[in-house]
Amino acid sequence: MINLNEYFEGAVKSLAYENGGKSTVGVIDTGEFEFGTSTPESMLIIEGEMKVLLPGQGDWQLFSAGQQFEVAANASFKVKVSTPTSYLCKYK
């Protein structure tokens, strides 16, 4: 089954599915957003780029297509997106 998730008044949309584990594939429109995690997550940028402020980090990091980052469970992270960006998020 595929479920549609929509956040921040439609600026972030994703499709959730299971394929040997839970994953989402989605698009983030331009803007700045904060997300929370309940499980560890691995985020792969498919197209575009985003600046990310990870927990415990003082500096924003830029991630572009083909790059990924990890976020621990029960944490929050911020993203800044200047052009629509697609991603694949895998929940561990």
PDB file of N, CA and C in Angstrom:
ATOM      1  N   MET A   1       0.840  -1.179   0.000  1.00  0.00           N
ATOM      2  CA  MET A   1       0.000   0.000   0.000  1.00  0.00           C
ATOM      3  C   MET A   1       0.889   1.247   0.000  1.00  0.00           C
ATOM      4  N   ILE A   2       0.498   2.255  -0.752  1.00  0.00           N
ATOM      5  CA  ILE A   2       1.219   3.520  -0.837  1.00  0.00           C
ATOM      6  C   ILE A   2       0.357   4.596  -0.170  1.00  0.00           C
ATOM      7  N   ASN A   3       0.963   5.340   0.752  1.00  0.00           N
ATOM      8  CA  ASN A   3       0.251   6.402   1.454  1.00  0.00           C
ATOM      9  C   ASN A   3       0.853   7.753   1.112  1.00  0.00           C
ATOM     10  N   LEU A   4      -0.019   8.756   0.941  1.00  0.00           N
ATOM     11  CA  LEU A   4       0.414  10.115   0.653  1.00  0.00           C
ATOM     12  C   LEU A   4       0.541  10.887   1.960  1.00  0.00           C
ATOM     13  N   ASN A   5       1.689  11.541   2.160  1.00  0.00           N
ATOM     14  CA  ASN A   5       1.914  12.421   3.302  1.00  0.00           C
ATOM     15  C   ASN A   5       2.075  13.841   2.778  1.00  0.00           C
ATOM     16  N   GLU A   6       1.489  14.797   3.489  1.00  0.00           N
ATOM     17  CA  GLU A   6       1.588  16.193   3.093  1.00  0.00           C
ATOM     18  C   GLU A   6       1.833  17.031   4.340  1.00  0.00           C
ATOM     19  N   TYR A   7       2.848  17.909   4.275  1.00  0.00           N
ATOM     20  CA  TYR A   7       3.244  18.725   5.416  1.00  0.00           C
ATOM     21  C   TYR A   7       3.408  20.186   4.990  1.00  0.00           C
ATOM     22  N   PHE A   8       3.391  21.081   5.964  1.00  0.00           N
ATOM     23  CA  PHE A   8       3.671  22.504   5.729  1.00  0.00           C
ATOM     24  C   PHE A   8       2.813  23.071   4.600  1.00  0.00           C
ATOM     25  N   GLU A   9       1.501  22.858   4.729  1.00  0.00           N
ATOM     26  CA  GLU A   9       0.519  23.381   3.775  1.00  0.00           C
ATOM     27  C   GLU A   9       0.828  22.991   2.328  1.00  0.00           C
ATOM     28  N   GLY A  10       1.299  21.764   2.148  1.00  0.00           N
ATOM     29  CA  GLY A  10       1.550  21.232   0.811  1.00  0.00           C
ATOM     30  C   GLY A  10       2.927  21.494   0.256  1.00  0.00           C
ATOM     31  N   ALA A  11       3.806  22.174   1.027  1.00  0.00           N
ATOM     32  CA  ALA A  11       5.156  22.465   0.538  1.00  0.00           C
ATOM     33  C   ALA A  11       6.050  21.231   0.557  1.00  0.00           C
ATOM     34  N   VAL A  12       5.654  20.205   1.319  1.00  0.00           N
ATOM     35  CA  VAL A  12       6.397  18.943   1.370  1.00  0.00           C
ATOM     36  C   VAL A  12       5.380  17.827   1.169  1.00  0.00           C
ATOM     37  N   LYS A  13       5.631  16.997   0.160  1.00  0.00           N
ATOM     38  CA  LYS A  13       4.760  15.854  -0.110  1.00  0.00           C
ATOM     39  C   LYS A  13       5.614  14.622  -0.324  1.00  0.00           C
ATOM     40  N   SER A  14       5.131  13.495   0.204  1.00  0.00           N
ATOM     41  CA  SER A  14       5.871  12.252   0.012  1.00  0.00           C
ATOM     42  C   SER A  14       4.911  11.081  -0.113  1.00  0.00           C
ATOM     43  N   LEU A  15       5.425  10.034  -0.711  1.00  0.00           N
ATOM     44  CA  LEU A  15       4.708   8.767  -0.814  1.00  0.00           C
ATOM     45  C   LEU A  15       5.430   7.762   0.071  1.00  0.00           C
ATOM     46  N   ALA A  16       4.707   7.165   1.000  1.00  0.00           N
ATOM     47  CA  ALA A  16       5.284   6.174   1.914  1.00  0.00           C
ATOM     48  C   ALA A  16       4.966   4.776   1.400  1.00  0.00           C
ATOM     49  N   TYR A  17       5.953   3.884   1.505  1.00  0.00           N
ATOM     50  CA  TYR A  17       5.764   2.509   1.053  1.00  0.00           C
ATOM     51  C   TYR A  17       6.695   1.596   1.823  1.00  0.00           C
ATOM     52  N   GLU A  18       6.463   0.291   1.709  1.00  0.00           N
ATOM     53  CA  GLU A  18       7.324  -0.700   2.356  1.00  0.00           C
ATOM     54  C   GLU A  18       7.938  -1.583   1.280  1.00  0.00           C
ATOM     55  N   ASN A  19       9.249  -1.760   1.382  1.00  0.00           N
ATOM     56  CA  ASN A  19       9.989  -2.613   0.446  1.00  0.00           C
ATOM     57  C   ASN A  19      11.188  -3.166   1.207  1.00  0.00           C
ATOM     58  N   GLY A  20      10.936  -4.099   2.113  1.00  0.00           N
ATOM     59  CA  GLY A  20      11.999  -4.600   2.975  1.00  0.00           C
ATOM     60  C   GLY A  20      12.298  -3.633   4.110  1.00  0.00           C
ATOM     61  N   GLY A  21      11.415  -2.693   4.339  1.00  0.00           N
ATOM     62  CA  GLY A  21      11.551  -1.646   5.347  1.00  0.00           C
ATOM     63  C   GLY A  21      10.753  -0.443   4.896  1.00  0.00           C
ATOM     64  N   LYS A  22      10.491   0.477   5.802  1.00  0.00           N
ATOM     65  CA  LYS A  22       9.679   1.645   5.471  1.00  0.00           C
ATOM     66  C   LYS A  22      10.537   2.702   4.787  1.00  0.00           C
ATOM     67  N   SER A  23       9.992   3.292   3.717  1.00  0.00           N
ATOM     68  CA  SER A  23      10.665   4.352   2.969  1.00  0.00           C
ATOM     69  C   SER A  23       9.636   5.381   2.538  1.00  0.00           C
ATOM     70  N   THR A  24      10.124   6.589   2.231  1.00  0.00           N
ATOM     71  CA  THR A  24       9.299   7.606   1.591  1.00  0.00           C
ATOM     72  C   THR A  24      10.124   8.232   0.468  1.00  0.00           C
ATOM     73  N   VAL A  25       9.435   8.604  -0.589  1.00  0.00           N
ATOM     74  CA  VAL A  25      10.051   9.367  -1.664  1.00  0.00           C
ATOM     75  C   VAL A  25       9.195  10.617  -1.820  1.00  0.00           C
ATOM     76  N   GLY A  26       9.861  11.776  -1.889  1.00  0.00           N
ATOM     77  CA  GLY A  26       9.076  12.995  -1.904  1.00  0.00           C
ATOM     78  C   GLY A  26       9.790  14.181  -2.503  1.00  0.00           C
ATOM     79  N   VAL A  27       9.093  15.319  -2.426  1.00  0.00           N
ATOM     80  CA  VAL A  27       9.597  16.578  -2.948  1.00  0.00           C
ATOM     81  C   VAL A  27       9.374  17.656  -1.896  1.00  0.00           C
ATOM     82  N   ILE A  28      10.401  18.488  -1.708  1.00  0.00           N
ATOM     83  CA  ILE A  28      10.312  19.637  -0.817  1.00  0.00           C
ATOM     84  C   ILE A  28      10.387  20.886  -1.686  1.00  0.00           C
ATOM     85  N   ASP A  29       9.397  21.750  -1.564  1.00  0.00           N
ATOM     86  CA  ASP A  29       9.377  23.011  -2.298  1.00  0.00           C
ATOM     87  C   ASP A  29      10.287  24.015  -1.591  1.00  0.00           C
ATOM     88  N   THR A  30      10.474  25.156  -2.171  1.00  0.00           N
ATOM     89  CA  THR A  30      11.364  26.159  -1.585  1.00  0.00           C
ATOM     90  C   THR A  30      10.863  26.602  -0.218  1.00  0.00           C
ATOM     91  N   GLY A  31      11.813  26.845   0.689  1.00  0.00           N
ATOM     92  CA  GLY A  31      11.475  27.312   2.019  1.00  0.00           C
ATOM     93  C   GLY A  31      12.406  26.729   3.061  1.00  0.00           C
ATOM     94  N   GLU A  32      12.072  26.990   4.323  1.00  0.00           N
ATOM     95  CA  GLU A  32      12.837  26.469   5.452  1.00  0.00           C
ATOM     96  C   GLU A  32      11.878  25.680   6.336  1.00  0.00           C
ATOM     97  N   PHE A  33      12.283  24.463   6.696  1.00  0.00           N
ATOM     98  CA  PHE A  33      11.400  23.545   7.415  1.00  0.00           C
ATOM     99  C   PHE A  33      12.171  22.818   8.507  1.00  0.00           C
ATOM    100  N   GLU A  34      11.434  22.387   9.549  1.00  0.00           N
ATOM    101  CA  GLU A  34      12.038  21.589  10.616  1.00  0.00           C
ATOM    102  C   GLU A  34      11.264  20.281  10.723  1.00  0.00           C
ATOM    103  N   PHE A  35      11.999  19.177  10.765  1.00  0.00           N
ATOM    104  CA  PHE A  35      11.421  17.844  10.833  1.00  0.00           C
ATOM    105  C   PHE A  35      11.875  17.152  12.112  1.00  0.00           C
ATOM    106  N   GLY A  36      11.037  16.272  12.625  1.00  0.00           N
ATOM    107  CA  GLY A  36      11.391  15.447  13.771  1.00  0.00           C
ATOM    108  C   GLY A  36      11.442  13.983  13.358  1.00  0.00           C
ATOM    109  N   THR A  37      12.238  13.204  14.073  1.00  0.00           N
ATOM    110  CA  THR A  37      12.361  11.778  13.769  1.00  0.00           C
ATOM    111  C   THR A  37      11.890  10.950  14.959  1.00  0.00           C
ATOM    112  N   SER A  38      11.351   9.790  14.680  1.00  0.00           N
ATOM    113  CA  SER A  38      11.023   8.835  15.740  1.00  0.00           C
ATOM    114  C   SER A  38      11.920   7.605  15.645  1.00  0.00           C
ATOM    115  N   THR A  39      12.465   7.368  14.460  1.00  0.00           N
ATOM    116  CA  THR A  39      13.426   6.289  14.237  1.00  0.00           C
ATOM    117  C   THR A  39      14.629   6.871  13.492  1.00  0.00           C
ATOM    118  N   PRO A  40      15.754   6.167  13.456  1.00  0.00           N
ATOM    119  CA  PRO A  40      16.881   6.662  12.648  1.00  0.00           C
ATOM    120  C   PRO A  40      16.469   6.746  11.172  1.00  0.00           C
ATOM    121  N   GLU A  41      16.956   7.779  10.491  1.00  0.00           N
ATOM    122  CA  GLU A  41      16.616   7.986   9.088  1.00  0.00           C
ATOM    123  C   GLU A  41      17.872   8.222   8.256  1.00  0.00           C
ATOM    124  N   SER A  42      17.805   7.748   7.019  1.00  0.00           N
ATOM    125  CA  SER A  42      18.843   8.012   6.034  1.00  0.00           C
ATOM    126  C   SER A  42      18.183   8.733   4.872  1.00  0.00           C
ATOM    127  N   MET A  43      18.653   9.928   4.562  1.00  0.00           N
ATOM    128  CA  MET A  43      18.028  10.767   3.533  1.00  0.00           C
ATOM    129  C   MET A  43      18.983  10.914   2.350  1.00  0.00           C
ATOM    130  N   LEU A  44      18.556  10.454   1.173  1.00  0.00           N
ATOM    131  CA  LEU A  44      19.321  10.555  -0.071  1.00  0.00           C
ATOM    132  C   LEU A  44      18.678  11.620  -0.946  1.00  0.00           C
ATOM    133  N   ILE A  45      19.474  12.586  -1.388  1.00  0.00           N
ATOM    134  CA  ILE A  45      18.978  13.622  -2.289  1.00  0.00           C
ATOM    135  C   ILE A  45      18.979  13.036  -3.703  1.00  0.00           C
ATOM    136  N   ILE A  46      17.840  13.068  -4.365  1.00  0.00           N
ATOM    137  CA  ILE A  46      17.712  12.520  -5.719  1.00  0.00           C
ATOM    138  C   ILE A  46      17.987  13.604  -6.756  1.00  0.00           C
ATOM    139  N   GLU A  47      17.362  14.761  -6.576  1.00  0.00           N
ATOM    140  CA  GLU A  47      17.532  15.865  -7.514  1.00  0.00           C
ATOM    141  C   GLU A  47      17.422  17.169  -6.735  1.00  0.00           C
ATOM    142  N   GLY A  48      18.230  18.155  -7.098  1.00  0.00           N
ATOM    143  CA  GLY A  48      18.233  19.433  -6.398  1.00  0.00           C
ATOM    144  C   GLY A  48      19.273  19.436  -5.294  1.00  0.00           C
ATOM    145  N   GLU A  49      19.048  20.285  -4.286  1.00  0.00           N
ATOM    146  CA  GLU A  49      19.970  20.364  -3.163  1.00  0.00           C
ATOM    147  C   GLU A  49      19.273  20.999  -1.972  1.00  0.00           C
ATOM    148  N   MET A  50      19.797  20.737  -0.807  1.00  0.00           N
ATOM    149  CA  MET A  50      19.264  21.354   0.395  1.00  0.00           C
ATOM    150  C   MET A  50      20.372  21.596   1.401  1.00  0.00           C
ATOM    151  N   LYS A  51      20.225  22.694   2.126  1.00  0.00           N
ATOM    152  CA  LYS A  51      21.104  22.955   3.253  1.00  0.00           C
ATOM    153  C   LYS A  51      20.451  22.311   4.465  1.00  0.00           C
ATOM    154  N   VAL A  52      21.273  21.643   5.288  1.00  0.00           N
ATOM    155  CA  VAL A  52      20.746  20.882   6.419  1.00  0.00           C
ATOM    156  C   VAL A  52      21.494  21.278   7.682  1.00  0.00           C
ATOM    157  N   LEU A  53      20.732  21.508   8.754  1.00  0.00           N
ATOM    158  CA  LEU A  53      21.310  21.734  10.074  1.00  0.00           C
ATOM    159  C   LEU A  53      20.958  20.516  10.915  1.00  0.00           C
ATOM    160  N   LEU A  54      21.950  19.644  11.112  1.00  0.00           N
ATOM    161  CA  LEU A  54      21.750  18.400  11.846  1.00  0.00           C
ATOM    162  C   LEU A  54      21.862  18.633  13.347  1.00  0.00           C
ATOM    163  N   PRO A  55      21.254  17.764  14.154  1.00  0.00           N
ATOM    164  CA  PRO A  55      21.310  17.919  15.609  1.00  0.00           C
ATOM    165  C   PRO A  55      22.755  17.971  16.101  1.00  0.00           C
ATOM    166  N   GLY A  56      23.033  18.904  16.984  1.00  0.00           N
ATOM    167  CA  GLY A  56      24.367  19.009  17.570  1.00  0.00           C
ATOM    168  C   GLY A  56      25.402  19.662  16.680  1.00  0.00           C
ATOM    169  N   GLN A  57      25.015  20.054  15.469  1.00  0.00           N
ATOM    170  CA  GLN A  57      25.940  20.695  14.536  1.00  0.00           C
ATOM    171  C   GLN A  57      25.680  22.205  14.555  1.00  0.00           C
ATOM    172  N   GLY A  58      26.741  22.979  14.545  1.00  0.00           N
ATOM    173  CA  GLY A  58      26.581  24.429  14.559  1.00  0.00           C
ATOM    174  C   GLY A  58      26.491  25.045  13.181  1.00  0.00           C
ATOM    175  N   ASP A  59      26.891  24.304  12.159  1.00  0.00           N
ATOM    176  CA  ASP A  59      26.946  24.848  10.798  1.00  0.00           C
ATOM    177  C   ASP A  59      26.002  24.091   9.871  1.00  0.00           C
ATOM    178  N   TRP A  60      25.413  24.828   8.939  1.00  0.00           N
ATOM    179  CA  TRP A  60      24.595  24.227   7.894  1.00  0.00           C
ATOM    180  C   TRP A  60      25.509  23.503   6.915  1.00  0.00           C
ATOM    181  N   GLN A  61      25.060  22.347   6.416  1.00  0.00           N
ATOM    182  CA  GLN A  61      25.803  21.576   5.418  1.00  0.00           C
ATOM    183  C   GLN A  61      24.959  21.490   4.150  1.00  0.00           C
ATOM    184  N   LEU A  62      25.611  21.573   2.995  1.00  0.00           N
ATOM    185  CA  LEU A  62      24.916  21.488   1.716  1.00  0.00           C
ATOM    186  C   LEU A  62      24.982  20.060   1.198  1.00  0.00           C
ATOM    187  N   PHE A  63      23.818  19.497   0.859  1.00  0.00           N
ATOM    188  CA  PHE A  63      23.730  18.164   0.269  1.00  0.00           C
ATOM    189  C   PHE A  63      23.073  18.295  -1.097  1.00  0.00           C
ATOM    190  N   SER A  64      23.715  17.706  -2.119  1.00  0.00           N
ATOM    191  CA  SER A  64      23.241  17.772  -3.501  1.00  0.00           C
ATOM    192  C   SER A  64      22.871  16.375  -3.985  1.00  0.00           C
ATOM    193  N   ALA A  65      22.347  16.302  -5.203  1.00  0.00           N
ATOM    194  CA  ALA A  65      21.936  15.028  -5.798  1.00  0.00           C
ATOM    195  C   ALA A  65      23.033  13.984  -5.662  1.00  0.00           C
ATOM    196  N   GLY A  66      22.648  12.806  -5.168  1.00  0.00           N
ATOM    197  CA  GLY A  66      23.582  11.698  -4.991  1.00  0.00           C
ATOM    198  C   GLY A  66      24.202  11.644  -3.601  1.00  0.00           C
ATOM    199  N   GLN A  67      24.019  12.687  -2.801  1.00  0.00           N
ATOM    200  CA  GLN A  67      24.577  12.693  -1.448  1.00  0.00           C
ATOM    201  C   GLN A  67      23.500  12.336  -0.444  1.00  0.00           C
ATOM    202  N   GLN A  68      23.928  11.843   0.720  1.00  0.00           N
ATOM    203  CA  GLN A  68      22.964  11.481   1.748  1.00  0.00           C
ATOM    204  C   GLN A  68      23.468  11.871   3.124  1.00  0.00           C
ATOM    205  N   PHE A  69      22.534  11.921   4.065  1.00  0.00           N
ATOM    206  CA  PHE A  69      22.884  12.198   5.456  1.00  0.00           C
ATOM    207  C   PHE A  69      22.009  11.342   6.356  1.00  0.00           C
ATOM    208  N   GLU A  70      22.470  11.180   7.593  1.00  0.00           N
ATOM    209  CA  GLU A  70      21.793  10.347   8.582  1.00  0.00           C
ATOM    210  C   GLU A  70      21.307  11.230   9.727  1.00  0.00           C
ATOM    211  N   VAL A  71      20.156  10.865  10.282  1.00  0.00           N
ATOM    212  CA  VAL A  71      19.615  11.554  11.447  1.00  0.00           C
ATOM    213  C   VAL A  71      19.226  10.490  12.473  1.00  0.00           C
ATOM    214  N   ALA A  72      19.619  10.699  13.718  1.00  0.00           N
ATOM    215  CA  ALA A  72      19.313   9.757  14.793  1.00  0.00           C
ATOM    216  C   ALA A  72      17.820   9.786  15.135  1.00  0.00           C
ATOM    217  N   ALA A  73      17.367   8.778  15.855  1.00  0.00           N
ATOM    218  CA  ALA A  73      15.987   8.721  16.338  1.00  0.00           C
ATOM    219  C   ALA A  73      15.752   9.812  17.376  1.00  0.00           C
ATOM    220  N   ASN A  74      14.509  10.247  17.472  1.00  0.00           N
ATOM    221  CA  ASN A  74      14.080  11.223  18.477  1.00  0.00           C
ATOM    222  C   ASN A  74      14.904  12.501  18.430  1.00  0.00           C
ATOM    223  N   ALA A  75      15.109  12.991  17.221  1.00  0.00           N
ATOM    224  CA  ALA A  75      15.887  14.218  17.009  1.00  0.00           C
ATOM    225  C   ALA A  75      15.105  15.114  16.050  1.00  0.00           C
ATOM    226  N   SER A  76      15.572  16.339  15.909  1.00  0.00           N
ATOM    227  CA  SER A  76      14.986  17.229  14.908  1.00  0.00           C
ATOM    228  C   SER A  76      16.116  17.825  14.079  1.00  0.00           C
ATOM    229  N   PHE A  77      15.795  18.139  12.839  1.00  0.00           N
ATOM    230  CA  PHE A  77      16.767  18.760  11.945  1.00  0.00           C
ATOM    231  C   PHE A  77      16.042  19.774  11.070  1.00  0.00           C
ATOM    232  N   LYS A  78      16.788  20.770  10.600  1.00  0.00           N
ATOM    233  CA  LYS A  78      16.225  21.827   9.771  1.00  0.00           C
ATOM    234  C   LYS A  78      16.782  21.725   8.361  1.00  0.00           C
ATOM    235  N   VAL A  79      15.965  22.122   7.389  1.00  0.00           N
ATOM    236  CA  VAL A  79      16.416  22.165   5.997  1.00  0.00           C
ATOM    237  C   VAL A  79      16.031  23.508   5.386  1.00  0.00           C
ATOM    238  N   LYS A  80      16.889  23.991   4.484  1.00  0.00           N
ATOM    239  CA  LYS A  80      16.610  25.169   3.661  1.00  0.00           C
ATOM    240  C   LYS A  80      16.704  24.716   2.215  1.00  0.00           C
ATOM    241  N   VAL A  81      15.658  25.001   1.450  1.00  0.00           N
ATOM    242  CA  VAL A  81      15.598  24.561   0.062  1.00  0.00           C
ATOM    243  C   VAL A  81      15.353  25.776  -0.820  1.00  0.00           C
ATOM    244  N   SER A  82      16.206  25.991  -1.823  1.00  0.00           N
ATOM    245  CA  SER A  82      16.055  27.153  -2.704  1.00  0.00           C
ATOM    246  C   SER A  82      15.466  26.792  -4.066  1.00  0.00           C
ATOM    247  N   THR A  83      15.389  25.502  -4.365  1.00  0.00           N
ATOM    248  CA  THR A  83      14.757  25.010  -5.585  1.00  0.00           C
ATOM    249  C   THR A  83      14.089  23.682  -5.232  1.00  0.00           C
ATOM    250  N   PRO A  84      12.948  23.334  -5.807  1.00  0.00           N
ATOM    251  CA  PRO A  84      12.302  22.075  -5.457  1.00  0.00           C
ATOM    252  C   PRO A  84      13.314  20.914  -5.507  1.00  0.00           C
ATOM    253  N   THR A  85      13.293  20.107  -4.464  1.00  0.00           N
ATOM    254  CA  THR A  85      14.294  19.051  -4.285  1.00  0.00           C
ATOM    255  C   THR A  85      13.597  17.739  -3.955  1.00  0.00           C
ATOM    256  N   SER A  86      14.005  16.677  -4.641  1.00  0.00           N
ATOM    257  CA  SER A  86      13.424  15.349  -4.372  1.00  0.00           C
ATOM    258  C   SER A  86      14.389  14.520  -3.536  1.00  0.00           C
ATOM    259  N   TYR A  87      13.802  13.596  -2.769  1.00  0.00           N
ATOM    260  CA  TYR A  87      14.597  12.794  -1.831  1.00  0.00           C
ATOM    261  C   TYR A  87      14.002  11.400  -1.662  1.00  0.00           C
ATOM    262  N   LEU A  88      14.824  10.508  -1.160  1.00  0.00           N
ATOM    263  CA  LEU A  88      14.414   9.172  -0.724  1.00  0.00           C
ATOM    264  C   LEU A  88      14.828   9.052   0.728  1.00  0.00           C
ATOM    265  N   CYS A  89      13.878   8.798   1.605  1.00  0.00           N
ATOM    266  CA  CYS A  89      14.164   8.652   3.030  1.00  0.00           C
ATOM    267  C   CYS A  89      13.902   7.203   3.422  1.00  0.00           C
ATOM    268  N   LYS A  90      14.898   6.572   4.031  1.00  0.00           N
ATOM    269  CA  LYS A  90      14.752   5.196   4.523  1.00  0.00           C
ATOM    270  C   LYS A  90      14.779   5.235   6.046  1.00  0.00           C
ATOM    271  N   TYR A  91      13.811   4.546   6.635  1.00  0.00           N
ATOM    272  CA  TYR A  91      13.685   4.484   8.084  1.00  0.00           C
ATOM    273  C   TYR A  91      14.294   3.168   8.571  1.00  0.00           C
ATOM    274  N   LYS A  92      15.147   3.261   9.564  1.00  0.00           N
ATOM    275  CA  LYS A  92      15.865   2.065  10.022  1.00  0.00           C
ATOM    276  C   LYS A  92      15.249   1.479  11.264  1.00  0.00           C
TER     277      LYS A  92
END
